[in-house]
Amino acid sequence: MKLPSTKSSPNSTTTWRAPLFLALMLGLFSPSSGLAQSSPATATVTITDDGTGRDLAPRFMGLSYEMSALLPEDGKYYFDAKDRALVKIFRTLGIKSLRVGANAVDNPRIPVPQEKDIDALFAFVRAAGVKVIYSFRLEKGNPADSARLASYIAAHDADALDCFSIGNEPNAYDKTFETYFADWKPHYDAILKAVPSAMFDGPSVFAGDKNLFPEKLADAMFSGGHMAMISDHYYVMGNSRDAEKKPAEYRARFLSDATDIRFEKAFAAVGGKLMVKGIPYRIDELNNCFHGGAKGVSDTYTASLWALDATHWWAAHRILGLNYHTGELVGRDGGFGAPNYSAFLHRSDGNGFEIRPPSYGYLAFTQGALGRPLAVSVATILTHSFTAYAYRADDGSVYVTLINKTFD
């Protein structure tokens, strides 16, 4: 919503009192959500604009897919420029970044996409208005093959390319930074020789890495001018199979203020350190629970509020962006299977897509995150969980999102 005084000037503070029983999304607290609306209360929201800071990164909102999504199935491509339904979903949700890679990029049982597959992908992304973070195989990969495909992309698709990436969660198979770097650098060198202007994303490790892959890669390579960003992955709620054993407890965790505390710790451990040095930081794969999300939790409207709050939280900390993992199949439980956290899925009859709960969070974010993030503080009674975020648009308007996460 717009703040009542939409043209207030920078270097100002505005305080607004909001009734907590205002639901952010109509029908959210339905029986299917597993939550019930809480008793009324009042929150005091204070918005401060000191006139500093940058606008939200233009490609902040993104999705992440398995590399296998580029391969045709029964002669048909998932990423098809003629698929008006999928193009419309991307544009409606405000998706600006598409990362392809994930577990499938390093899986030897899955073929490496070739030129025809790449052509289909980039035709789609032009129609959808996004740019691509394109991954190459690292584990048992071939640097010469990576360079050949990178050269093809640079020659044909530079206009729709964000950057290249090499491997996925290499800290799962390279246990030290030194062994990872020895594997990674030949690919980097081969690609850069073939495409002297190439830019890279990396190391795309899973969060909690004690070997400091992100920081060490930044120290080793950022000054060279070819690292577009330093990245990692984050699944804040842990293992999906654990969450499925206690769905009610995990739905409550999704909306708990303790989740924001975990975000703070994760940001301080990696992103905050990098950004102090002026190094762009992106979470190029994330969602709520790893292994595809939890049935009865990640596929409920609780996940809508979780996604909205999480996306705003990271945007308020001015990182480069997020890529929520999704698709028809994702890496889970040692193989690949249908995700419970998917943003949308093909309908069983093959006609169009079923919009899943996380998409409503993504849509609400892109509708309200316009311009430059502002400082916001919230005061309410301790029994209530309520967050707020604000942005100043280019025309001076202030957009405010209020999220009531309280339930009985």
Protein backbone atom coordinates (compact mmCIF):
# COMPACT_ATOMS: atom_id res chain seq x y z
CA MET A 1 0.00 0.00 0.00
CA LYS A 2 1.05 3.62 -0.42
CA LEU A 3 1.72 5.65 2.69
CA PRO A 4 -0.98 8.31 3.17
CA SER A 5 1.58 11.10 2.70
CA THR A 6 3.00 9.75 -0.53
CA LYS A 7 5.15 12.75 -1.45
CA SER A 8 7.07 13.20 1.80
CA SER A 9 10.63 14.34 1.25
CA PRO A 10 13.87 12.46 1.97
CA ASN A 11 15.56 12.97 5.35
CA SER A 12 12.22 12.48 7.08
CA THR A 13 10.58 10.19 9.62
CA THR A 14 6.95 9.07 9.47
CA THR A 15 5.13 7.11 12.17
CA TRP A 16 1.95 5.22 11.37
CA ARG A 17 -0.29 3.12 13.61
CA ALA A 18 -1.78 0.05 11.91
CA PRO A 19 -4.45 -2.37 13.16
CA LEU A 20 -2.82 -5.79 13.38
CA PHE A 21 -6.01 -7.59 12.43
CA LEU A 22 -5.64 -6.24 8.88
CA ALA A 23 -4.94 -9.33 6.77
CA LEU A 24 -2.30 -8.83 4.13
CA MET A 25 -3.89 -11.24 1.69
CA LEU A 26 -7.62 -11.95 1.71
CA GLY A 27 -8.43 -15.51 2.65
CA LEU A 28 -4.92 -16.25 3.88
CA PHE A 29 -6.07 -17.46 7.25
CA SER A 30 -8.37 -20.10 5.83
CA PRO A 31 -8.69 -23.64 7.17
CA SER A 32 -6.29 -24.88 4.45
CA SER A 33 -3.52 -22.67 5.82
CA GLY A 34 -3.50 -24.45 9.15
CA LEU A 35 -3.68 -21.11 10.97
CA ALA A 36 -6.37 -19.04 12.60
CA GLN A 37 -6.57 -15.27 12.87
CA SER A 38 -5.33 -13.81 16.14
CA SER A 39 -7.06 -11.29 18.40
CA PRO A 40 -6.82 -7.58 17.42
CA ALA A 41 -3.88 -5.44 18.49
CA THR A 42 -2.08 -2.32 17.27
CA ALA A 43 1.40 -1.94 15.81
CA THR A 44 3.34 1.31 15.53
CA VAL A 45 5.40 1.49 12.34
CA THR A 46 8.12 4.14 12.03
CA ILE A 47 9.66 4.78 8.61
CA THR A 48 12.87 6.78 8.31
CA ASP A 49 14.38 8.08 5.07
CA ASP A 50 17.89 9.52 5.44
CA GLY A 51 18.15 10.07 1.69
CA THR A 52 20.93 7.51 1.25
CA GLY A 53 21.18 4.08 -0.31
CA ARG A 54 20.56 2.61 -3.72
CA ASP A 55 17.39 1.42 -5.39
CA LEU A 56 16.58 -2.26 -5.18
CA ALA A 57 18.80 -4.15 -7.62
CA PRO A 58 17.01 -4.36 -11.00
CA ARG A 59 17.28 -8.16 -11.16
CA PHE A 60 16.60 -8.77 -7.47
CA MET A 61 13.70 -11.19 -7.86
CA GLY A 62 14.69 -14.47 -9.45
CA LEU A 63 13.98 -18.15 -9.84
CA SER A 64 16.38 -21.10 -9.92
CA TYR A 65 15.92 -24.29 -11.96
CA GLU A 66 17.72 -27.57 -12.42
CA MET A 67 19.90 -27.64 -15.54
CA SER A 68 17.83 -30.64 -16.70
CA ALA A 69 14.93 -28.23 -17.32
CA LEU A 70 16.77 -27.16 -20.51
CA LEU A 71 16.51 -30.64 -22.02
CA PRO A 72 13.50 -31.55 -24.18
CA GLU A 73 10.96 -34.07 -22.93
CA ASP A 74 9.00 -35.91 -25.61
CA GLY A 75 10.35 -33.38 -28.07
CA LYS A 76 9.06 -30.37 -26.12
CA TYR A 77 11.02 -27.77 -24.20
CA TYR A 78 9.92 -26.47 -20.80
CA PHE A 79 11.42 -23.07 -21.60
CA ASP A 80 9.51 -22.33 -24.78
CA ALA A 81 9.09 -18.77 -26.07
CA LYS A 82 5.74 -19.82 -27.53
CA ASP A 83 4.43 -20.93 -24.14
CA ARG A 84 2.41 -17.81 -23.46
CA ALA A 85 1.26 -19.09 -20.06
CA LEU A 86 4.80 -19.49 -18.72
CA VAL A 87 5.94 -16.18 -20.22
CA LYS A 88 2.98 -14.45 -18.60
CA ILE A 89 3.70 -16.03 -15.20
CA PHE A 90 7.29 -14.77 -15.25
CA ARG A 91 6.19 -11.28 -16.24
CA THR A 92 3.28 -11.15 -13.80
CA LEU A 93 5.41 -12.26 -10.85
CA GLY A 94 8.09 -9.73 -11.73
CA ILE A 95 10.82 -12.34 -12.21
CA LYS A 96 13.98 -10.69 -13.58
CA SER A 97 16.67 -13.33 -12.99
CA LEU A 98 16.74 -16.97 -14.06
CA ARG A 99 19.51 -19.18 -12.72
CA VAL A 100 19.92 -22.62 -14.30
CA GLY A 101 22.18 -25.21 -12.72
CA ALA A 102 21.48 -26.79 -9.30
CA ASN A 103 22.07 -30.49 -8.63
CA ALA A 104 21.51 -31.51 -12.24
CA VAL A 105 24.45 -29.48 -13.55
CA ASP A 106 26.97 -31.77 -11.84
CA ASN A 107 25.02 -35.02 -12.24
CA PRO A 108 26.83 -37.37 -14.65
CA ARG A 109 23.57 -39.13 -15.55
CA ILE A 110 22.13 -35.93 -16.99
CA PRO A 111 23.40 -34.77 -20.40
CA VAL A 112 25.01 -31.35 -20.70
CA PRO A 113 22.65 -29.08 -22.69
CA GLN A 114 23.92 -28.26 -26.16
CA GLU A 115 23.40 -25.44 -28.68
CA LYS A 116 19.82 -26.29 -29.64
CA ASP A 117 18.80 -26.46 -25.98
CA ILE A 118 20.56 -23.16 -25.30
CA ASP A 119 18.74 -21.53 -28.22
CA ALA A 120 15.36 -22.54 -26.76
CA LEU A 121 16.28 -21.21 -23.31
CA PHE A 122 17.40 -17.81 -24.54
CA ALA A 123 14.44 -17.41 -26.86
CA PHE A 124 12.24 -17.90 -23.81
CA VAL A 125 14.12 -15.50 -21.56
CA ARG A 126 13.89 -12.74 -24.15
CA ALA A 127 10.13 -13.24 -24.27
CA ALA A 128 9.94 -13.30 -20.47
CA GLY A 129 12.18 -10.26 -19.97
CA VAL A 130 14.77 -11.91 -17.71
CA LYS A 131 18.53 -12.47 -17.73
CA VAL A 132 20.28 -15.77 -17.14
CA ILE A 133 22.89 -17.03 -14.71
CA TYR A 134 24.12 -19.99 -16.76
CA SER A 135 25.97 -22.85 -15.03
CA PHE A 136 28.56 -25.27 -16.37
CA ARG A 137 29.49 -28.69 -15.03
CA LEU A 138 32.32 -28.66 -12.50
CA GLU A 139 32.41 -32.14 -10.96
CA LYS A 140 34.09 -34.30 -13.61
CA GLY A 141 33.38 -31.54 -16.10
CA ASN A 142 35.40 -30.61 -19.18
CA PRO A 143 36.83 -27.07 -19.23
CA ALA A 144 37.14 -27.14 -23.03
CA ASP A 145 33.47 -28.07 -23.37
CA SER A 146 32.46 -25.31 -20.95
CA ALA A 147 34.51 -22.82 -22.98
CA ARG A 148 32.95 -23.98 -26.25
CA LEU A 149 29.40 -23.51 -24.94
CA ALA A 150 30.27 -20.21 -23.24
CA SER A 151 31.63 -18.93 -26.55
CA TYR A 152 28.39 -19.93 -28.27
CA ILE A 153 26.28 -18.15 -25.65
CA ALA A 154 28.43 -15.02 -25.82
CA ALA A 155 28.17 -14.93 -29.62
CA HIS A 156 24.40 -15.48 -29.79
CA ASP A 157 22.87 -14.50 -26.45
CA ALA A 158 25.00 -11.87 -24.73
CA ASP A 159 22.01 -9.52 -24.55
CA ALA A 160 20.11 -11.95 -22.29
CA LEU A 161 23.04 -13.26 -20.25
CA ASP A 162 23.77 -12.05 -16.72
CA CYS A 163 26.85 -14.18 -16.07
CA PHE A 164 28.28 -17.68 -16.01
CA SER A 165 28.57 -20.01 -13.02
CA ILE A 166 30.68 -23.15 -12.57
CA GLY A 167 29.31 -26.07 -10.58
CA ASN A 168 26.74 -26.39 -7.82
CA GLU A 169 27.39 -26.70 -4.10
CA PRO A 170 30.98 -27.82 -4.64
CA ASN A 171 31.56 -27.99 -0.89
CA ALA A 172 29.60 -31.26 -1.07
CA TYR A 173 32.44 -32.94 -2.98
CA ASP A 174 35.45 -30.63 -2.58
CA LYS A 175 36.08 -30.59 1.14
CA THR A 176 38.63 -27.77 1.14
CA PHE A 177 38.78 -24.47 -0.70
CA GLU A 178 42.15 -25.45 -2.16
CA THR A 179 40.78 -28.58 -3.86
CA TYR A 180 37.72 -26.64 -5.06
CA PHE A 181 39.82 -23.84 -6.49
CA ALA A 182 42.08 -26.32 -8.27
CA ASP A 183 38.97 -27.80 -9.92
CA TRP A 184 37.25 -24.48 -10.61
CA LYS A 185 40.11 -22.34 -11.96
CA PRO A 186 40.73 -24.34 -15.19
CA HIS A 187 37.08 -23.83 -16.17
CA TYR A 188 37.30 -20.14 -15.35
CA ASP A 189 40.51 -19.75 -17.35
CA ALA A 190 39.17 -21.66 -20.36
CA ILE A 191 35.94 -19.68 -20.45
CA LEU A 192 37.74 -16.37 -20.02
CA LYS A 193 40.13 -17.21 -22.85
CA ALA A 194 37.18 -17.99 -25.13
CA VAL A 195 35.11 -15.02 -23.89
CA PRO A 196 37.44 -12.25 -22.62
CA SER A 197 34.50 -10.18 -21.36
CA ALA A 198 32.96 -13.07 -19.38
CA MET A 199 31.57 -12.40 -15.91
CA PHE A 200 31.05 -15.06 -13.26
CA ASP A 201 28.91 -16.00 -10.26
CA GLY A 202 30.26 -18.30 -7.57
CA PRO A 203 30.93 -20.37 -5.60
CA SER A 204 27.22 -21.31 -5.10
CA VAL A 205 27.94 -23.35 -1.97
CA PHE A 206 25.36 -24.47 0.56
CA ALA A 207 25.10 -22.27 3.63
CA GLY A 208 27.03 -23.01 6.78
CA ASP A 209 30.25 -23.76 4.91
CA LYS A 210 33.02 -23.70 7.52
CA ASN A 211 35.75 -23.59 4.86
CA LEU A 212 34.74 -20.05 3.85
CA PHE A 213 34.48 -20.74 0.12
CA PRO A 214 32.65 -17.44 -0.62
CA GLU A 215 35.11 -15.23 1.24
CA LYS A 216 38.15 -17.04 -0.12
CA LEU A 217 36.90 -16.96 -3.70
CA ALA A 218 36.23 -13.24 -3.33
CA ASP A 219 39.73 -12.66 -1.95
CA ALA A 220 41.31 -14.67 -4.75
CA MET A 221 39.32 -13.43 -7.73
CA PHE A 222 37.20 -10.31 -7.19
CA SER A 223 40.00 -7.85 -7.87
CA GLY A 224 40.42 -9.40 -11.33
CA GLY A 225 37.22 -7.71 -12.46
CA HIS A 226 35.37 -10.78 -13.72
CA MET A 227 33.32 -11.81 -10.67
CA ALA A 228 29.86 -10.31 -11.10
CA MET A 229 28.84 -11.58 -7.67
CA ILE A 230 29.73 -13.93 -4.84
CA SER A 231 26.97 -16.36 -3.96
CA ASP A 232 25.78 -19.13 -1.71
CA HIS A 233 22.57 -21.11 -1.08
CA TYR A 234 20.21 -20.97 1.87
CA TYR A 235 17.40 -23.23 3.11
CA VAL A 236 16.67 -21.69 6.48
CA MET A 237 14.15 -24.24 7.75
CA GLY A 238 16.34 -27.30 7.22
CA ASN A 239 15.39 -30.77 6.03
CA SER A 240 11.96 -31.21 4.43
CA ARG A 241 11.55 -34.75 5.75
CA ASP A 242 11.98 -33.48 9.33
CA ALA A 243 9.37 -30.79 8.74
CA GLU A 244 6.88 -33.36 7.41
CA LYS A 245 7.00 -35.20 10.73
CA LYS A 246 5.77 -32.07 12.58
CA PRO A 247 3.86 -29.96 10.04
CA ALA A 248 2.02 -27.76 12.55
CA GLU A 249 5.23 -27.01 14.43
CA TYR A 250 7.04 -26.11 11.23
CA ARG A 251 4.23 -23.89 9.96
CA ALA A 252 4.60 -21.98 13.20
CA ARG A 253 8.37 -21.80 12.70
CA PHE A 254 7.86 -20.35 9.22
CA LEU A 255 6.12 -17.35 10.81
CA SER A 256 8.24 -17.04 13.94
CA ASP A 257 10.39 -13.99 14.58
CA ALA A 258 13.18 -16.48 15.30
CA THR A 259 13.45 -16.98 11.54
CA ASP A 260 14.54 -13.37 11.14
CA ILE A 261 17.20 -13.94 13.81
CA ARG A 262 18.53 -16.84 11.74
CA PHE A 263 18.59 -14.53 8.69
CA GLU A 264 20.64 -12.06 10.72
CA LYS A 265 23.20 -14.70 11.61
CA ALA A 266 23.44 -15.97 8.03
CA PHE A 267 23.86 -12.45 6.65
CA ALA A 268 26.51 -11.56 9.21
CA ALA A 269 28.44 -14.75 8.44
CA VAL A 270 28.75 -14.18 4.66
CA GLY A 271 26.86 -11.41 2.89
CA GLY A 272 27.51 -8.69 5.43
CA LYS A 273 31.26 -9.31 5.37
CA LEU A 274 31.38 -9.24 1.57
CA MET A 275 29.23 -6.14 1.20
CA VAL A 276 31.40 -4.15 3.61
CA LYS A 277 34.20 -4.74 1.10
CA GLY A 278 31.99 -3.56 -1.78
CA ILE A 279 31.50 -7.08 -3.17
CA PRO A 280 28.02 -7.87 -4.58
CA TYR A 281 26.36 -10.79 -2.81
CA ARG A 282 23.50 -12.92 -4.12
CA ILE A 283 21.73 -16.00 -2.80
CA ASP A 284 21.44 -17.76 -6.15
CA GLU A 285 19.45 -20.70 -4.74
CA LEU A 286 17.14 -20.72 -1.75
CA ASN A 287 13.82 -21.85 -0.45
CA ASN A 288 12.34 -22.77 2.90
CA CYS A 289 13.33 -26.46 3.30
CA PHE A 290 15.89 -28.43 1.31
CA HIS A 291 15.07 -31.72 -0.45
CA GLY A 292 12.13 -30.22 -2.28
CA GLY A 293 10.12 -28.70 0.54
CA ALA A 294 7.78 -30.26 3.08
CA LYS A 295 4.30 -31.51 2.19
CA GLY A 296 1.74 -29.85 4.43
CA VAL A 297 4.11 -26.96 5.13
CA SER A 298 5.94 -25.64 2.05
CA ASP A 299 2.81 -26.06 -0.09
CA THR A 300 0.46 -24.15 2.26
CA TYR A 301 -0.34 -20.45 2.44
CA THR A 302 1.99 -20.24 5.41
CA ALA A 303 4.70 -20.42 2.75
CA SER A 304 3.19 -17.36 1.04
CA LEU A 305 3.78 -15.21 4.10
CA TRP A 306 7.17 -16.79 4.70
CA ALA A 307 8.27 -16.00 1.12
CA LEU A 308 6.99 -12.43 1.30
CA ASP A 309 8.70 -11.73 4.61
CA ALA A 310 11.96 -13.47 3.63
CA THR A 311 12.21 -11.66 0.30
CA HIS A 312 11.61 -8.27 1.89
CA TRP A 313 14.09 -9.03 4.67
CA TRP A 314 16.92 -9.70 2.24
CA ALA A 315 15.93 -6.75 0.05
CA ALA A 316 16.06 -4.45 3.09
CA HIS A 317 19.65 -5.61 3.59
CA ARG A 318 20.43 -4.48 0.04
CA ILE A 319 21.87 -7.71 -1.33
CA LEU A 320 22.02 -8.21 -5.10
CA GLY A 321 19.10 -10.61 -5.21
CA LEU A 322 17.50 -14.00 -4.61
CA ASN A 323 16.73 -16.99 -6.84
CA TYR A 324 14.01 -19.21 -5.37
CA HIS A 325 14.47 -22.82 -6.44
CA THR A 326 11.52 -24.29 -8.32
CA GLY A 327 10.58 -26.44 -11.31
CA GLU A 328 8.71 -29.62 -12.15
CA LEU A 329 11.56 -31.69 -10.66
CA VAL A 330 14.28 -30.70 -8.18
CA GLY A 331 17.11 -32.47 -6.45
CA ARG A 332 15.73 -34.25 -3.40
CA ASP A 333 16.45 -37.32 -1.27
CA GLY A 334 19.43 -38.40 -3.37
CA GLY A 335 17.61 -38.15 -6.69
CA PHE A 336 15.05 -35.91 -8.37
CA GLY A 337 11.38 -35.49 -7.56
CA ALA A 338 8.44 -33.10 -7.59
CA PRO A 339 8.93 -30.16 -5.21
CA ASN A 340 6.45 -29.12 -2.55
CA TYR A 341 7.87 -25.57 -2.55
CA SER A 342 7.36 -25.04 -6.28
CA ALA A 343 6.16 -21.60 -7.36
CA PHE A 344 3.93 -23.17 -10.02
CA LEU A 345 3.49 -26.55 -11.71
CA HIS A 346 2.08 -27.77 -14.99
CA ARG A 347 -1.54 -28.83 -14.64
CA SER A 348 -2.10 -32.56 -14.82
CA ASP A 349 -4.10 -32.15 -18.04
CA GLY A 350 -1.18 -30.29 -19.63
CA ASN A 351 -3.14 -27.06 -20.05
CA GLY A 352 -1.33 -24.19 -18.38
CA PHE A 353 -0.03 -24.02 -14.81
CA GLU A 354 -1.29 -24.34 -11.26
CA ILE A 355 -0.11 -21.36 -9.23
CA ARG A 356 1.22 -22.56 -5.90
CA PRO A 357 1.25 -20.64 -2.57
CA PRO A 358 4.85 -19.30 -2.72
CA SER A 359 4.00 -17.36 -5.90
CA TYR A 360 1.57 -15.17 -3.99
CA GLY A 361 4.42 -14.10 -1.74
CA TYR A 362 6.64 -13.34 -4.75
CA LEU A 363 3.87 -11.33 -6.41
CA ALA A 364 3.11 -9.32 -3.28
CA PHE A 365 6.81 -8.52 -2.97
CA THR A 366 7.28 -7.23 -6.51
CA GLN A 367 4.10 -5.15 -6.25
CA GLY A 368 5.38 -3.39 -3.13
CA ALA A 369 9.17 -3.30 -3.53
CA LEU A 370 9.41 -0.24 -5.76
CA GLY A 371 12.49 1.94 -5.52
CA ARG A 372 14.83 2.39 -2.57
CA PRO A 373 14.49 0.38 0.67
CA LEU A 374 13.85 2.56 3.72
CA ALA A 375 14.58 1.97 7.41
CA VAL A 376 11.55 0.66 9.30
CA SER A 377 10.97 -0.10 12.98
CA VAL A 378 7.91 -1.81 14.46
CA ALA A 379 6.55 -1.68 18.00
CA THR A 380 3.78 -4.05 19.07
CA ILE A 381 2.88 -6.26 22.01
CA LEU A 382 5.22 -9.21 22.59
CA THR A 383 2.56 -11.81 21.86
CA HIS A 384 2.23 -10.64 18.25
CA SER A 385 4.53 -11.17 15.28
CA PHE A 386 4.36 -8.31 12.81
CA THR A 387 6.86 -6.97 10.28
CA ALA A 388 6.85 -4.00 7.94
CA TYR A 389 8.94 -2.86 4.98
CA ALA A 390 9.00 0.38 3.01
CA TYR A 391 10.44 1.74 -0.25
CA ARG A 392 10.60 5.16 -1.84
CA ALA A 393 9.79 5.08 -5.55
CA ASP A 394 11.35 7.35 -8.16
CA ASP A 395 8.31 9.66 -8.09
CA GLY A 396 8.72 10.19 -4.32
CA SER A 397 5.89 7.86 -3.30
CA VAL A 398 6.46 5.57 -0.32
CA TYR A 399 5.21 2.00 -0.58
CA VAL A 400 4.64 0.05 2.64
CA THR A 401 4.08 -3.70 3.13
CA LEU A 402 2.62 -4.83 6.47
CA ILE A 403 2.86 -8.52 7.34
CA ASN A 404 0.83 -9.93 10.22
CA LYS A 405 2.34 -13.33 11.07
CA THR A 406 0.39 -13.79 14.30
CA PHE A 407 -1.99 -16.70 14.76
CA ASP A 408 -3.70 -18.52 17.61
